[in-house]
């Protein structure tokens, strides 16, 4: 185990450089998968501390998604605080929109509600429905919400139905089954 320590130390120290490399993102995920205890905690902490930057990267976003799937409460808390107030911006970007979808699946109910309320509070919500990336986030929000938060989301979507139903990016959102669920 001692012979691997230098790998874990280097991966943690240079996690942004490794995570943003085409092959490095896979290596970093393997390091996390094969680490335990303090090494694993250190890797997760370093990645989640740089989550906002990594979420927007073509390769780094996969590492953030991997961390989210681990459902580590400290990492999720760290990522939620970094993303707060930035979910709309992250939702309209190709790579980070996938991270927001993963947040909607893996965050607790309160953090998930915060994302949804941030999305529907934006003055140009109908543009999110039409966006090639944010429409997937909205669909994921519909699939992963319930109760009053889901009702608020549906209420924000419905007024735009007639105007946007034929938009190719909106078709998934306006499916009757999804809005009535």
N, C-alpha and C. Protein backbone atom coordinates (compact mmCIF):
# COMPACT_ATOMS: atom_id res chain seq x y z
N UNK A 1 0.83 -1.19 0.00
CA UNK A 1 0.00 0.00 0.00
C UNK A 1 0.87 1.25 0.00
N UNK A 2 2.00 1.20 0.65
CA UNK A 2 2.89 2.35 0.75
C UNK A 2 3.43 2.77 -0.61
N UNK A 3 3.62 1.82 -1.50
CA UNK A 3 4.13 2.13 -2.83
C UNK A 3 3.13 2.93 -3.66
N UNK A 4 1.86 2.90 -3.29
CA UNK A 4 0.84 3.66 -4.02
C UNK A 4 0.66 5.08 -3.46
N UNK A 5 1.17 5.32 -2.29
CA UNK A 5 0.92 6.59 -1.60
C UNK A 5 1.32 7.79 -2.45
N UNK A 6 2.44 7.70 -3.13
CA UNK A 6 2.90 8.85 -3.93
C UNK A 6 1.92 9.15 -5.06
N UNK A 7 1.23 8.13 -5.56
CA UNK A 7 0.23 8.34 -6.62
C UNK A 7 -0.96 9.11 -6.06
N UNK A 8 -1.45 8.68 -4.90
CA UNK A 8 -2.59 9.36 -4.28
C UNK A 8 -2.24 10.80 -3.92
N UNK A 9 -1.02 11.00 -3.39
CA UNK A 9 -0.58 12.35 -3.02
C UNK A 9 -0.51 13.26 -4.24
N UNK A 10 0.06 12.75 -5.32
CA UNK A 10 0.18 13.54 -6.55
C UNK A 10 -1.19 13.81 -7.17
N UNK A 11 -2.06 12.83 -7.15
CA UNK A 11 -3.40 13.00 -7.71
C UNK A 11 -4.16 14.07 -6.93
N UNK A 12 -4.05 14.08 -5.62
CA UNK A 12 -4.73 15.08 -4.80
C UNK A 12 -4.12 16.46 -5.03
N UNK A 13 -2.81 16.54 -5.06
CA UNK A 13 -2.12 17.82 -5.22
C UNK A 13 -2.40 18.47 -6.57
N UNK A 14 -2.49 17.65 -7.60
CA UNK A 14 -2.67 18.15 -8.97
C UNK A 14 -4.03 17.75 -9.56
N UNK A 15 -5.03 17.66 -8.71
CA UNK A 15 -6.32 17.10 -9.15
C UNK A 15 -6.94 17.89 -10.30
N UNK A 16 -6.82 19.22 -10.32
CA UNK A 16 -7.42 19.99 -11.41
C UNK A 16 -6.71 19.68 -12.73
N UNK A 17 -5.40 19.64 -12.71
CA UNK A 17 -4.65 19.32 -13.94
C UNK A 17 -4.96 17.91 -14.44
N UNK A 18 -5.04 16.97 -13.52
CA UNK A 18 -5.31 15.58 -13.90
C UNK A 18 -6.75 15.44 -14.39
N UNK A 19 -7.70 16.02 -13.66
CA UNK A 19 -9.11 15.88 -14.00
C UNK A 19 -9.47 16.52 -15.33
N UNK A 20 -8.75 17.55 -15.73
CA UNK A 20 -9.07 18.26 -16.97
C UNK A 20 -8.31 17.72 -18.18
N UNK A 21 -7.68 16.60 -18.02
CA UNK A 21 -6.96 15.95 -19.12
C UNK A 21 -7.81 14.79 -19.66
N UNK A 22 -7.77 14.61 -20.96
CA UNK A 22 -8.58 13.58 -21.62
C UNK A 22 -8.48 12.21 -20.94
N UNK A 23 -7.29 11.77 -20.62
CA UNK A 23 -7.12 10.47 -19.98
C UNK A 23 -7.00 10.59 -18.47
N UNK A 24 -6.58 11.76 -18.02
CA UNK A 24 -6.41 11.99 -16.59
C UNK A 24 -7.71 11.88 -15.81
N UNK A 25 -8.81 12.28 -16.45
CA UNK A 25 -10.10 12.19 -15.73
C UNK A 25 -10.42 10.74 -15.39
N UNK A 26 -10.07 9.84 -16.26
CA UNK A 26 -10.30 8.40 -16.00
C UNK A 26 -9.33 7.89 -14.93
N UNK A 27 -8.09 8.36 -15.00
CA UNK A 27 -7.08 7.96 -14.01
C UNK A 27 -7.51 8.42 -12.62
N UNK A 28 -8.00 9.65 -12.53
CA UNK A 28 -8.42 10.19 -11.23
C UNK A 28 -9.60 9.39 -10.67
N UNK A 29 -10.53 9.02 -11.52
CA UNK A 29 -11.66 8.21 -11.07
C UNK A 29 -11.18 6.84 -10.56
N UNK A 30 -10.19 6.28 -11.25
CA UNK A 30 -9.62 4.99 -10.81
C UNK A 30 -8.91 5.15 -9.47
N UNK A 31 -8.20 6.28 -9.30
CA UNK A 31 -7.53 6.54 -8.02
C UNK A 31 -8.54 6.58 -6.88
N UNK A 32 -9.66 7.24 -7.12
CA UNK A 32 -10.70 7.32 -6.09
C UNK A 32 -11.26 5.93 -5.81
N UNK A 33 -11.53 5.18 -6.88
CA UNK A 33 -12.11 3.85 -6.73
C UNK A 33 -11.19 2.90 -5.96
N UNK A 34 -9.88 3.07 -6.12
CA UNK A 34 -8.92 2.16 -5.50
C UNK A 34 -8.32 2.70 -4.21
N UNK A 35 -8.80 3.83 -3.75
CA UNK A 35 -8.28 4.39 -2.51
C UNK A 35 -9.25 4.10 -1.37
N UNK A 36 -8.74 4.23 -0.17
CA UNK A 36 -9.56 4.02 1.02
C UNK A 36 -9.18 5.07 2.07
N UNK A 37 -10.02 5.17 3.06
CA UNK A 37 -9.71 5.99 4.23
C UNK A 37 -9.30 7.41 3.93
N UNK A 38 -8.17 7.79 4.50
CA UNK A 38 -7.66 9.16 4.38
C UNK A 38 -7.32 9.54 2.94
N UNK A 39 -6.78 8.61 2.18
CA UNK A 39 -6.46 8.90 0.77
C UNK A 39 -7.72 9.24 -0.03
N UNK A 40 -8.74 8.44 0.16
CA UNK A 40 -10.00 8.65 -0.55
C UNK A 40 -10.62 9.99 -0.13
N UNK A 41 -10.64 10.23 1.17
CA UNK A 41 -11.21 11.48 1.69
C UNK A 41 -10.47 12.69 1.15
N UNK A 42 -9.16 12.60 1.05
CA UNK A 42 -8.34 13.72 0.55
C UNK A 42 -8.63 13.98 -0.93
N UNK A 43 -8.71 12.92 -1.72
CA UNK A 43 -9.02 13.07 -3.14
C UNK A 43 -10.40 13.69 -3.34
N UNK A 44 -11.37 13.18 -2.62
CA UNK A 44 -12.73 13.70 -2.74
C UNK A 44 -12.79 15.16 -2.31
N UNK A 45 -12.10 15.49 -1.23
CA UNK A 45 -12.09 16.87 -0.72
C UNK A 45 -11.46 17.83 -1.73
N UNK A 46 -10.37 17.43 -2.34
CA UNK A 46 -9.68 18.29 -3.32
C UNK A 46 -10.53 18.49 -4.57
N UNK A 47 -11.14 17.43 -5.02
CA UNK A 47 -11.98 17.53 -6.22
C UNK A 47 -13.20 18.39 -5.93
N UNK A 48 -13.86 18.13 -4.81
CA UNK A 48 -15.06 18.91 -4.50
C UNK A 48 -14.72 20.37 -4.21
N UNK A 49 -13.53 20.65 -3.72
CA UNK A 49 -13.12 22.04 -3.48
C UNK A 49 -12.95 22.80 -4.79
N UNK A 50 -12.71 22.07 -5.86
CA UNK A 50 -12.54 22.67 -7.20
C UNK A 50 -13.71 22.34 -8.12
N UNK A 51 -14.83 21.98 -7.53
CA UNK A 51 -15.98 21.49 -8.29
C UNK A 51 -16.53 22.45 -9.32
N UNK A 52 -16.60 23.73 -8.99
CA UNK A 52 -17.17 24.70 -9.93
C UNK A 52 -16.35 24.77 -11.21
N UNK A 53 -15.04 24.84 -11.06
CA UNK A 53 -14.15 24.88 -12.23
C UNK A 53 -14.22 23.57 -13.01
N UNK A 54 -14.17 22.46 -12.31
CA UNK A 54 -14.18 21.15 -12.97
C UNK A 54 -15.51 20.85 -13.66
N UNK A 55 -16.61 21.32 -13.08
CA UNK A 55 -17.93 21.05 -13.66
C UNK A 55 -18.06 21.61 -15.06
N UNK A 56 -17.34 22.68 -15.36
CA UNK A 56 -17.45 23.35 -16.66
C UNK A 56 -16.45 22.83 -17.69
N UNK A 57 -15.63 21.90 -17.29
CA UNK A 57 -14.58 21.38 -18.17
C UNK A 57 -15.07 20.13 -18.92
N UNK A 58 -14.63 19.97 -20.19
CA UNK A 58 -15.06 18.80 -20.97
C UNK A 58 -14.72 17.45 -20.32
N UNK A 59 -13.65 17.40 -19.54
CA UNK A 59 -13.27 16.15 -18.89
C UNK A 59 -13.49 16.19 -17.39
N UNK A 60 -13.26 17.33 -16.79
CA UNK A 60 -13.43 17.49 -15.35
C UNK A 60 -14.85 17.24 -14.88
N UNK A 61 -15.83 17.52 -15.74
CA UNK A 61 -17.22 17.31 -15.34
C UNK A 61 -17.50 15.84 -15.03
N UNK A 62 -16.80 14.94 -15.69
CA UNK A 62 -17.00 13.52 -15.42
C UNK A 62 -16.51 13.15 -14.01
N UNK A 63 -15.45 13.80 -13.58
CA UNK A 63 -14.92 13.53 -12.24
C UNK A 63 -15.89 14.07 -11.19
N UNK A 64 -16.46 15.24 -11.42
CA UNK A 64 -17.44 15.80 -10.49
C UNK A 64 -18.67 14.89 -10.43
N UNK A 65 -19.12 14.41 -11.59
CA UNK A 65 -20.26 13.50 -11.60
C UNK A 65 -19.95 12.21 -10.83
N UNK A 66 -18.73 11.72 -10.97
CA UNK A 66 -18.31 10.52 -10.25
C UNK A 66 -18.38 10.76 -8.74
N UNK A 67 -17.90 11.92 -8.31
CA UNK A 67 -17.94 12.27 -6.89
C UNK A 67 -19.39 12.36 -6.40
N UNK A 68 -20.25 12.97 -7.22
CA UNK A 68 -21.66 13.07 -6.84
C UNK A 68 -22.29 11.69 -6.66
N UNK A 69 -21.92 10.75 -7.51
CA UNK A 69 -22.47 9.40 -7.42
C UNK A 69 -22.02 8.67 -6.15
N UNK A 70 -20.92 9.12 -5.55
CA UNK A 70 -20.46 8.51 -4.30
C UNK A 70 -21.34 8.90 -3.12
N UNK A 71 -22.13 9.97 -3.30
CA UNK A 71 -23.05 10.48 -2.27
C UNK A 71 -22.36 10.75 -0.95
N UNK A 72 -21.16 11.29 -1.03
CA UNK A 72 -20.40 11.70 0.15
C UNK A 72 -20.97 13.03 0.63
N UNK A 73 -21.47 13.07 1.85
CA UNK A 73 -22.18 14.26 2.34
C UNK A 73 -21.29 15.50 2.40
N UNK A 74 -20.02 15.35 2.74
CA UNK A 74 -19.13 16.51 2.77
C UNK A 74 -18.90 17.06 1.37
N UNK A 75 -18.68 16.18 0.42
CA UNK A 75 -18.46 16.61 -0.97
C UNK A 75 -19.73 17.26 -1.52
N UNK A 76 -20.87 16.66 -1.26
CA UNK A 76 -22.14 17.22 -1.76
C UNK A 76 -22.37 18.60 -1.16
N UNK A 77 -22.11 18.76 0.12
CA UNK A 77 -22.26 20.06 0.76
C UNK A 77 -21.33 21.11 0.16
N UNK A 78 -20.09 20.70 -0.10
CA UNK A 78 -19.10 21.60 -0.69
C UNK A 78 -19.51 22.00 -2.10
N UNK A 79 -19.96 21.04 -2.90
CA UNK A 79 -20.38 21.33 -4.27
C UNK A 79 -21.64 22.21 -4.27
N UNK A 80 -22.58 21.90 -3.41
CA UNK A 80 -23.83 22.69 -3.35
C UNK A 80 -23.54 24.15 -3.02
N UNK A 81 -22.61 24.37 -2.10
CA UNK A 81 -22.29 25.76 -1.75
C UNK A 81 -21.56 26.48 -2.87
N UNK A 82 -20.73 25.77 -3.64
CA UNK A 82 -20.04 26.39 -4.77
C UNK A 82 -20.99 26.70 -5.92
N UNK A 83 -21.96 25.84 -6.13
CA UNK A 83 -22.88 25.99 -7.26
C UNK A 83 -24.03 26.95 -6.96
N UNK A 84 -24.30 27.20 -5.68
CA UNK A 84 -25.43 28.05 -5.30
C UNK A 84 -25.34 29.41 -5.99
N UNK A 85 -26.45 29.81 -6.60
CA UNK A 85 -26.49 31.08 -7.32
C UNK A 85 -25.96 30.98 -8.74
N UNK A 86 -25.48 29.80 -9.12
CA UNK A 86 -24.87 29.62 -10.44
C UNK A 86 -25.52 28.51 -11.26
N UNK A 87 -26.63 27.96 -10.76
CA UNK A 87 -27.26 26.83 -11.44
C UNK A 87 -27.77 27.18 -12.83
N UNK A 88 -28.26 28.39 -13.01
CA UNK A 88 -28.74 28.79 -14.34
C UNK A 88 -27.57 28.83 -15.31
N UNK A 89 -26.48 29.47 -14.89
CA UNK A 89 -25.28 29.54 -15.73
C UNK A 89 -24.75 28.14 -16.04
N UNK A 90 -24.71 27.27 -15.05
CA UNK A 90 -24.21 25.91 -15.26
C UNK A 90 -25.16 25.10 -16.15
N UNK A 91 -26.44 25.38 -16.08
CA UNK A 91 -27.43 24.62 -16.85
C UNK A 91 -27.38 24.88 -18.34
N UNK A 92 -26.91 26.03 -18.75
CA UNK A 92 -26.89 26.36 -20.18
C UNK A 92 -25.55 26.03 -20.84
N UNK A 93 -24.66 25.40 -20.11
CA UNK A 93 -23.37 25.00 -20.66
C UNK A 93 -23.36 23.50 -20.94
N UNK A 94 -22.71 23.15 -22.02
CA UNK A 94 -22.71 21.76 -22.48
C UNK A 94 -22.26 20.76 -21.41
N UNK A 95 -21.16 21.05 -20.76
CA UNK A 95 -20.58 20.07 -19.83
C UNK A 95 -21.18 20.18 -18.44
N UNK A 96 -21.33 21.38 -17.95
CA UNK A 96 -21.82 21.54 -16.58
C UNK A 96 -23.31 21.23 -16.46
N UNK A 97 -24.05 21.27 -17.56
CA UNK A 97 -25.47 20.90 -17.48
C UNK A 97 -25.62 19.45 -17.03
N UNK A 98 -24.70 18.60 -17.43
CA UNK A 98 -24.71 17.20 -16.99
C UNK A 98 -24.48 17.10 -15.48
N UNK A 99 -23.64 17.98 -14.96
CA UNK A 99 -23.38 17.99 -13.52
C UNK A 99 -24.63 18.44 -12.77
N UNK A 100 -25.33 19.45 -13.28
CA UNK A 100 -26.55 19.91 -12.62
C UNK A 100 -27.60 18.79 -12.62
N UNK A 101 -27.70 18.07 -13.73
CA UNK A 101 -28.64 16.93 -13.76
C UNK A 101 -28.28 15.90 -12.69
N UNK A 102 -27.00 15.65 -12.55
CA UNK A 102 -26.53 14.69 -11.53
C UNK A 102 -26.81 15.21 -10.12
N UNK A 103 -26.68 16.53 -9.93
CA UNK A 103 -27.03 17.14 -8.64
C UNK A 103 -28.50 16.91 -8.32
N UNK A 104 -29.35 17.08 -9.33
CA UNK A 104 -30.78 16.89 -9.13
C UNK A 104 -31.11 15.44 -8.76
N UNK A 105 -30.29 14.51 -9.19
CA UNK A 105 -30.52 13.10 -8.88
C UNK A 105 -29.95 12.72 -7.50
N UNK A 106 -28.82 13.32 -7.12
CA UNK A 106 -28.10 12.85 -5.94
C UNK A 106 -28.16 13.77 -4.72
N UNK A 107 -28.57 15.00 -4.88
CA UNK A 107 -28.69 15.89 -3.73
C UNK A 107 -29.88 15.51 -2.88
N UNK A 108 -29.86 15.95 -1.65
CA UNK A 108 -31.01 15.77 -0.77
C UNK A 108 -32.14 16.70 -1.21
N UNK A 109 -33.28 16.51 -0.60
CA UNK A 109 -34.48 17.23 -1.02
C UNK A 109 -34.32 18.76 -0.90
N UNK A 110 -33.69 19.23 0.16
CA UNK A 110 -33.52 20.68 0.34
C UNK A 110 -32.62 21.30 -0.73
N UNK A 111 -31.50 20.64 -1.00
CA UNK A 111 -30.58 21.16 -2.03
C UNK A 111 -31.21 21.06 -3.42
N UNK A 112 -31.94 20.00 -3.66
CA UNK A 112 -32.64 19.83 -4.94
C UNK A 112 -33.68 20.95 -5.12
N UNK A 113 -34.40 21.26 -4.05
CA UNK A 113 -35.39 22.34 -4.08
C UNK A 113 -34.71 23.67 -4.37
N UNK A 114 -33.55 23.90 -3.79
CA UNK A 114 -32.81 25.15 -4.02
C UNK A 114 -32.45 25.32 -5.50
N UNK A 115 -32.04 24.22 -6.13
CA UNK A 115 -31.72 24.27 -7.56
C UNK A 115 -32.96 24.66 -8.36
N UNK A 116 -34.05 23.98 -8.11
CA UNK A 116 -35.28 24.18 -8.88
C UNK A 116 -35.82 25.60 -8.67
N UNK A 117 -35.80 26.05 -7.43
CA UNK A 117 -36.30 27.41 -7.15
C UNK A 117 -35.41 28.46 -7.82
N UNK A 118 -34.12 28.20 -7.87
CA UNK A 118 -33.21 29.12 -8.58
C UNK A 118 -33.52 29.15 -10.07
N UNK A 119 -33.80 28.01 -10.65
CA UNK A 119 -34.11 27.94 -12.08
C UNK A 119 -35.41 28.68 -12.42
N UNK A 120 -36.45 28.46 -11.62
CA UNK A 120 -37.74 29.07 -11.96
C UNK A 120 -37.80 30.56 -11.58
N UNK A 121 -36.87 31.01 -10.75
CA UNK A 121 -36.85 32.42 -10.36
C UNK A 121 -36.24 33.33 -11.42
N UNK A 122 -35.55 32.74 -12.40
CA UNK A 122 -34.88 33.55 -13.42
C UNK A 122 -35.93 34.22 -14.32
N UNK A 123 -35.68 35.45 -14.69
CA UNK A 123 -36.67 36.22 -15.46
C UNK A 123 -36.90 35.67 -16.86
N UNK A 124 -35.96 34.95 -17.38
CA UNK A 124 -36.08 34.40 -18.75
C UNK A 124 -36.20 32.87 -18.71
N UNK A 125 -37.07 32.37 -17.84
CA UNK A 125 -37.24 30.93 -17.66
C UNK A 125 -37.57 30.22 -18.97
N UNK A 126 -38.40 30.86 -19.82
CA UNK A 126 -38.77 30.22 -21.09
C UNK A 126 -37.55 29.96 -21.97
N UNK A 127 -36.49 30.75 -21.81
CA UNK A 127 -35.26 30.52 -22.57
C UNK A 127 -34.56 29.25 -22.10
N UNK A 128 -34.68 28.96 -20.81
CA UNK A 128 -34.10 27.70 -20.31
C UNK A 128 -34.82 26.50 -20.92
N UNK A 129 -36.13 26.63 -21.09
CA UNK A 129 -36.91 25.55 -21.70
C UNK A 129 -36.47 25.28 -23.13
N UNK A 130 -36.04 26.33 -23.82
CA UNK A 130 -35.65 26.24 -25.22
C UNK A 130 -34.16 25.96 -25.42
N UNK A 131 -33.40 26.04 -24.36
CA UNK A 131 -31.95 25.88 -24.46
C UNK A 131 -31.58 24.42 -24.75
N UNK A 132 -30.61 24.19 -25.65
CA UNK A 132 -30.24 22.81 -25.99
C UNK A 132 -29.71 21.99 -24.82
N UNK A 133 -29.21 22.64 -23.76
CA UNK A 133 -28.69 21.91 -22.60
C UNK A 133 -29.61 22.05 -21.39
N UNK A 134 -30.09 23.26 -21.14
CA UNK A 134 -30.92 23.51 -19.95
C UNK A 134 -32.25 22.76 -20.01
N UNK A 135 -32.74 22.47 -21.21
CA UNK A 135 -34.00 21.73 -21.28
C UNK A 135 -33.86 20.34 -20.64
N UNK A 136 -32.70 19.75 -20.74
CA UNK A 136 -32.46 18.46 -20.08
C UNK A 136 -32.45 18.63 -18.56
N UNK A 137 -31.92 19.75 -18.10
CA UNK A 137 -31.90 20.04 -16.67
C UNK A 137 -33.33 20.19 -16.16
N UNK A 138 -34.16 20.92 -16.90
CA UNK A 138 -35.55 21.11 -16.51
C UNK A 138 -36.28 19.76 -16.49
N UNK A 139 -36.03 18.93 -17.50
CA UNK A 139 -36.66 17.60 -17.53
C UNK A 139 -36.21 16.78 -16.31
N UNK A 140 -34.93 16.85 -15.99
CA UNK A 140 -34.41 16.13 -14.82
C UNK A 140 -35.03 16.69 -13.54
N UNK A 141 -35.24 17.99 -13.50
CA UNK A 141 -35.89 18.61 -12.33
C UNK A 141 -37.31 18.07 -12.18
N UNK A 142 -38.02 17.92 -13.29
CA UNK A 142 -39.37 17.35 -13.24
C UNK A 142 -39.35 15.91 -12.73
N UNK A 143 -38.40 15.14 -13.20
CA UNK A 143 -38.31 13.73 -12.81
C UNK A 143 -37.88 13.52 -11.37
N UNK A 144 -37.13 14.48 -10.81
CA UNK A 144 -36.54 14.31 -9.49
C UNK A 144 -37.13 15.21 -8.42
N UNK A 145 -38.28 15.77 -8.68
CA UNK A 145 -38.91 16.64 -7.68
C UNK A 145 -40.28 16.10 -7.31
N UNK A 146 -40.78 16.59 -6.19
CA UNK A 146 -42.10 16.17 -5.74
C UNK A 146 -42.69 17.27 -4.86
N UNK A 147 -43.95 17.13 -4.59
CA UNK A 147 -44.63 18.04 -3.68
C UNK A 147 -44.71 19.47 -4.19
N UNK A 148 -44.66 20.44 -3.28
CA UNK A 148 -44.81 21.85 -3.63
C UNK A 148 -43.75 22.38 -4.61
N UNK A 149 -42.53 21.85 -4.51
CA UNK A 149 -41.46 22.30 -5.41
C UNK A 149 -41.77 21.85 -6.83
N UNK A 150 -42.21 20.62 -6.98
CA UNK A 150 -42.58 20.13 -8.32
C UNK A 150 -43.77 20.91 -8.85
N UNK A 151 -44.73 21.18 -8.00
CA UNK A 151 -45.91 21.96 -8.40
C UNK A 151 -45.50 23.36 -8.87
N UNK A 152 -44.56 23.98 -8.18
CA UNK A 152 -44.07 25.30 -8.58
C UNK A 152 -43.37 25.23 -9.93
N UNK A 153 -42.62 24.17 -10.16
CA UNK A 153 -41.94 23.98 -11.43
C UNK A 153 -42.94 23.81 -12.57
N UNK A 154 -43.91 22.96 -12.37
CA UNK A 154 -44.96 22.74 -13.38
C UNK A 154 -45.69 24.05 -13.65
N UNK A 155 -45.99 24.79 -12.60
CA UNK A 155 -46.69 26.08 -12.73
C UNK A 155 -45.86 27.07 -13.55
N UNK A 156 -44.53 27.00 -13.43
CA UNK A 156 -43.65 27.88 -14.21
C UNK A 156 -43.57 27.44 -15.67
N UNK A 157 -43.73 26.16 -15.93
CA UNK A 157 -43.62 25.62 -17.29
C UNK A 157 -44.90 25.81 -18.10
N UNK A 158 -46.03 25.50 -17.52
CA UNK A 158 -47.31 25.45 -18.23
C UNK A 158 -47.64 26.71 -19.03
N UNK A 159 -47.41 27.92 -18.53
CA UNK A 159 -47.76 29.11 -19.33
C UNK A 159 -47.02 29.20 -20.67
N UNK A 160 -45.93 28.48 -20.81
CA UNK A 160 -45.13 28.54 -22.03
C UNK A 160 -45.44 27.40 -23.00
N UNK A 161 -46.35 26.52 -22.59
CA UNK A 161 -46.62 25.32 -23.36
C UNK A 161 -47.07 25.61 -24.79
N UNK A 162 -48.04 26.46 -24.99
CA UNK A 162 -48.58 26.72 -26.33
C UNK A 162 -47.51 27.28 -27.26
N UNK A 163 -46.73 28.20 -26.77
CA UNK A 163 -45.72 28.85 -27.60
C UNK A 163 -44.51 27.96 -27.89
N UNK A 164 -44.21 27.04 -26.98
CA UNK A 164 -42.96 26.27 -27.10
C UNK A 164 -43.14 24.79 -27.43
N UNK A 165 -44.37 24.31 -27.48
CA UNK A 165 -44.61 22.89 -27.70
C UNK A 165 -43.92 22.34 -28.95
N UNK A 166 -43.81 23.14 -29.99
CA UNK A 166 -43.20 22.65 -31.23
C UNK A 166 -41.68 22.83 -31.27
N UNK A 167 -41.13 23.51 -30.29
CA UNK A 167 -39.67 23.68 -30.23
C UNK A 167 -39.04 22.32 -29.99
N UNK A 168 -38.02 21.95 -30.80
CA UNK A 168 -37.44 20.61 -30.67
C UNK A 168 -36.82 20.34 -29.29
N UNK A 169 -36.36 21.38 -28.60
CA UNK A 169 -35.76 21.18 -27.28
C UNK A 169 -36.80 21.08 -26.18
N UNK A 170 -38.01 21.48 -26.47
CA UNK A 170 -39.06 21.49 -25.45
C UNK A 170 -39.94 20.25 -25.48
N UNK A 171 -39.88 19.49 -26.54
CA UNK A 171 -40.79 18.35 -26.68
C UNK A 171 -40.73 17.38 -25.49
N UNK A 172 -39.52 17.15 -24.99
CA UNK A 172 -39.37 16.22 -23.85
C UNK A 172 -40.05 16.76 -22.60
N UNK A 173 -40.00 18.07 -22.43
CA UNK A 173 -40.57 18.69 -21.24
C UNK A 173 -42.09 18.69 -21.30
N UNK A 174 -42.64 18.96 -22.48
CA UNK A 174 -44.09 19.11 -22.61
C UNK A 174 -44.83 17.81 -22.86
N UNK A 175 -44.16 16.70 -22.70
CA UNK A 175 -44.89 15.44 -22.82
C UNK A 175 -45.89 15.39 -21.67
N UNK A 176 -47.10 15.05 -21.98
CA UNK A 176 -48.20 15.05 -20.99
C UNK A 176 -47.86 14.20 -19.77
N UNK A 177 -47.27 13.06 -19.98
CA UNK A 177 -46.98 12.16 -18.88
C UNK A 177 -45.99 12.81 -17.90
N UNK A 178 -45.02 13.54 -18.40
CA UNK A 178 -44.02 14.15 -17.55
C UNK A 178 -44.59 15.28 -16.71
N UNK A 179 -45.44 16.10 -17.29
CA UNK A 179 -46.02 17.22 -16.55
C UNK A 179 -47.10 16.77 -15.57
N UNK A 180 -47.73 15.64 -15.81
CA UNK A 180 -48.81 15.18 -14.93
C UNK A 180 -48.33 14.23 -13.85
N UNK A 181 -47.15 13.69 -13.99
CA UNK A 181 -46.60 12.67 -13.08
C UNK A 181 -46.95 12.90 -11.64
